[in-house]
Protein backbone atom coordinates (compact mmCIF):
# COMPACT_ATOMS: atom_id res chain seq x y z
CA MET A 1 -0.45 17.91 -92.52
CA ASN A 2 -3.15 19.85 -90.76
CA ARG A 3 -1.19 19.69 -87.53
CA LYS A 4 1.96 21.06 -89.21
CA GLU A 5 0.12 24.04 -90.71
CA SER A 6 -1.54 24.93 -87.44
CA SER A 7 1.81 25.05 -85.60
CA ARG A 8 3.34 27.13 -88.36
CA PHE A 9 0.69 29.85 -88.14
CA SER A 10 -0.09 29.73 -84.47
CA PRO A 11 -1.46 32.88 -82.80
CA GLU A 12 1.78 33.32 -80.86
CA ARG A 13 3.83 33.17 -84.03
CA LEU A 14 1.55 35.63 -85.83
CA SER A 15 1.74 38.02 -82.90
CA TYR A 16 5.52 37.75 -82.88
CA LEU A 17 5.75 38.43 -86.64
CA LYS A 18 3.37 41.37 -86.31
CA ASN A 19 5.43 42.91 -83.48
CA LEU A 20 8.67 42.28 -85.39
CA SER A 21 7.36 43.95 -88.54
CA ILE A 22 6.10 46.99 -86.58
CA THR A 23 9.46 47.28 -84.81
CA LEU A 24 11.39 47.06 -88.10
CA LEU A 25 9.09 49.64 -89.68
CA LEU A 26 9.62 52.05 -86.77
CA ILE A 27 13.39 51.60 -86.96
CA ALA A 28 13.31 52.28 -90.72
CA LEU A 29 11.20 55.43 -90.24
CA ILE A 30 13.51 56.72 -87.51
CA LEU A 31 16.55 56.12 -89.70
CA VAL A 32 14.95 57.98 -92.61
CA ALA A 33 13.97 60.84 -90.30
CA VAL A 34 17.57 61.17 -89.07
CA VAL A 35 19.59 60.33 -92.17
CA LEU A 36 17.66 62.36 -94.77
CA PRO A 37 18.02 65.80 -93.11
CA THR A 38 21.67 65.10 -92.30
CA ALA A 39 22.42 64.04 -95.87
CA THR A 40 20.60 67.09 -97.24
CA SER A 41 22.56 69.40 -94.95
CA VAL A 42 25.90 67.85 -95.93
CA TYR A 43 25.00 68.01 -99.63
CA ARG A 44 24.06 71.71 -99.38
CA ARG A 45 27.31 72.55 -97.60
CA ILE A 46 29.31 70.80 -100.30
CA GLU A 47 27.36 72.58 -103.05
CA ALA A 48 27.60 76.01 -101.34
CA ARG A 49 31.38 75.98 -100.78
CA PRO A 50 32.40 76.82 -104.40
CA ILE A 51 29.71 79.51 -104.59
CA GLN A 52 31.17 81.15 -101.49
CA GLY A 53 34.57 80.95 -103.18
CA VAL A 54 33.21 82.82 -106.21
CA ALA A 55 31.82 85.54 -103.92
CA LYS A 56 35.27 85.89 -102.36
CA ASN A 57 36.76 86.15 -105.86
CA ILE A 58 34.26 88.90 -106.70
CA GLU A 59 35.31 90.90 -103.64
CA LEU A 60 38.98 90.49 -104.51
CA SER A 61 38.33 91.40 -108.16
CA VAL A 62 36.48 94.57 -107.13
CA ARG A 63 39.32 95.54 -104.81
CA LEU A 64 41.89 95.08 -107.59
CA LEU A 65 39.77 96.86 -110.19
CA SER A 66 39.12 99.82 -107.89
CA LEU A 67 42.88 100.28 -107.64
CA GLU A 68 43.32 99.85 -111.38
CA PHE A 69 40.50 102.25 -112.30
CA VAL A 70 41.86 104.98 -109.98
CA GLY A 71 44.82 105.39 -112.32
CA THR A 72 42.62 105.64 -115.42
CA GLN A 73 39.65 107.75 -116.40
CA ASN A 74 37.35 104.69 -116.27
CA LYS A 75 34.70 104.45 -113.59
CA LEU A 76 33.95 101.26 -111.72
CA LEU A 77 30.66 102.15 -110.02
CA ASN A 78 27.29 102.95 -111.59
CA PRO A 79 24.44 103.12 -109.06
CA ASN A 80 21.87 103.19 -111.89
CA ARG A 81 22.60 99.57 -112.88
CA ASN A 82 21.31 96.52 -110.96
CA SER A 83 24.81 95.24 -110.25
CA GLY A 84 26.01 98.66 -109.06
CA PHE A 85 28.97 98.56 -111.47
CA THR A 86 29.53 99.96 -114.95
CA VAL A 87 29.12 97.63 -117.93
CA GLN A 88 32.90 97.49 -118.36
CA GLY A 89 33.47 97.00 -114.63
CA GLU A 90 30.89 94.21 -114.38
CA ALA A 91 32.39 92.43 -117.39
CA ARG A 92 35.88 92.62 -115.89
CA ILE A 93 34.62 91.38 -112.50
CA ARG A 94 32.93 88.40 -114.16
CA GLU A 95 36.06 87.68 -116.19
CA MET A 96 38.39 87.86 -113.19
CA SER A 97 36.17 86.04 -110.68
CA GLY A 98 34.48 83.43 -112.86
CA ALA A 99 31.06 84.51 -111.59
CA GLN A 100 28.10 82.84 -113.29
CA GLY A 101 25.38 84.26 -111.05
CA ASP A 102 24.14 87.78 -110.32
CA PHE A 103 25.77 90.17 -107.90
CA TYR A 104 24.42 93.37 -106.40
CA LEU A 105 26.46 96.09 -104.75
CA LEU A 106 24.35 97.37 -101.86
CA ALA A 107 26.87 99.69 -100.21
CA TRP A 108 30.31 101.04 -101.08
CA ASN A 109 32.90 102.25 -98.58
CA ALA A 110 34.23 105.35 -100.37
CA ASN A 111 36.86 106.09 -97.71
CA GLU A 112 38.64 102.78 -98.19
CA GLY A 113 37.51 102.04 -101.75
CA VAL A 114 36.07 98.62 -100.87
CA ILE A 115 32.73 96.84 -100.89
CA GLN A 116 30.71 97.58 -97.76
CA HIS A 117 27.84 95.20 -98.55
CA LEU A 118 27.31 92.89 -101.55
CA LEU A 119 24.91 90.08 -102.45
CA TYR A 120 25.84 87.26 -104.83
CA GLU A 121 23.23 84.78 -106.09
CA GLU A 122 23.99 81.58 -107.95
CA LYS A 123 21.77 78.52 -108.34
CA ASP A 124 19.73 78.27 -105.13
CA TYR A 125 22.28 80.05 -102.95
CA MET A 126 22.86 83.63 -101.85
CA VAL A 127 26.11 84.89 -100.35
CA GLU A 128 26.04 88.09 -98.33
CA VAL A 129 29.41 89.85 -98.15
CA ILE A 130 29.70 92.38 -95.30
CA TYR A 131 32.78 94.48 -94.61
CA GLN A 132 33.77 94.49 -90.93
CA GLY A 133 36.63 96.98 -91.20
CA LYS A 134 40.42 96.66 -91.37
CA GLY A 135 40.21 94.28 -94.36
CA ALA A 136 37.93 91.77 -92.60
CA TYR A 137 34.73 90.43 -94.18
CA THR A 138 31.97 88.08 -93.14
CA TRP A 139 30.52 85.64 -95.67
CA GLU A 140 27.00 84.45 -94.92
CA VAL A 141 25.72 81.74 -97.27
CA SER A 142 22.00 80.99 -97.42
CA HIS A 143 20.05 78.37 -99.34
CA LEU A 144 17.09 79.91 -101.12
CA GLU A 145 13.95 77.79 -101.14
CA GLY A 146 10.70 78.62 -102.81
CA VAL A 147 7.99 78.90 -100.19
CA LEU A 148 5.08 79.81 -102.45
CA ARG A 149 4.75 78.79 -106.06
């Protein structure tokens, strides 16, 4: 019995098991280091896509409302409010676009009657809408992370 136990836990076998466990641990750590950031990035892209869609709906709603309000005595813009729109205009934009977050009109193109620059925030994301001219926009989506708490 003593001979059987000594062969089972020989120094060579212990060294082999130690090297095997270290190798498996390193492989697991490398996989976590690669898979976790990739999974987080994919998850954020999936979560950000509908928020970008809402920002596009806001831009389209503002464009339609600016045309509608031209024919009436109602005003769409109010630079004294945080959103940059009148109470009635903001309510209509939210109704038409389905926006749940906050939006801020930073610049208005008075010549063409369109948004020049707008920010939309929902959950942990911010969409920056920038007019490029001739009906073209860029949509930059950022994930907002708290750095200091």
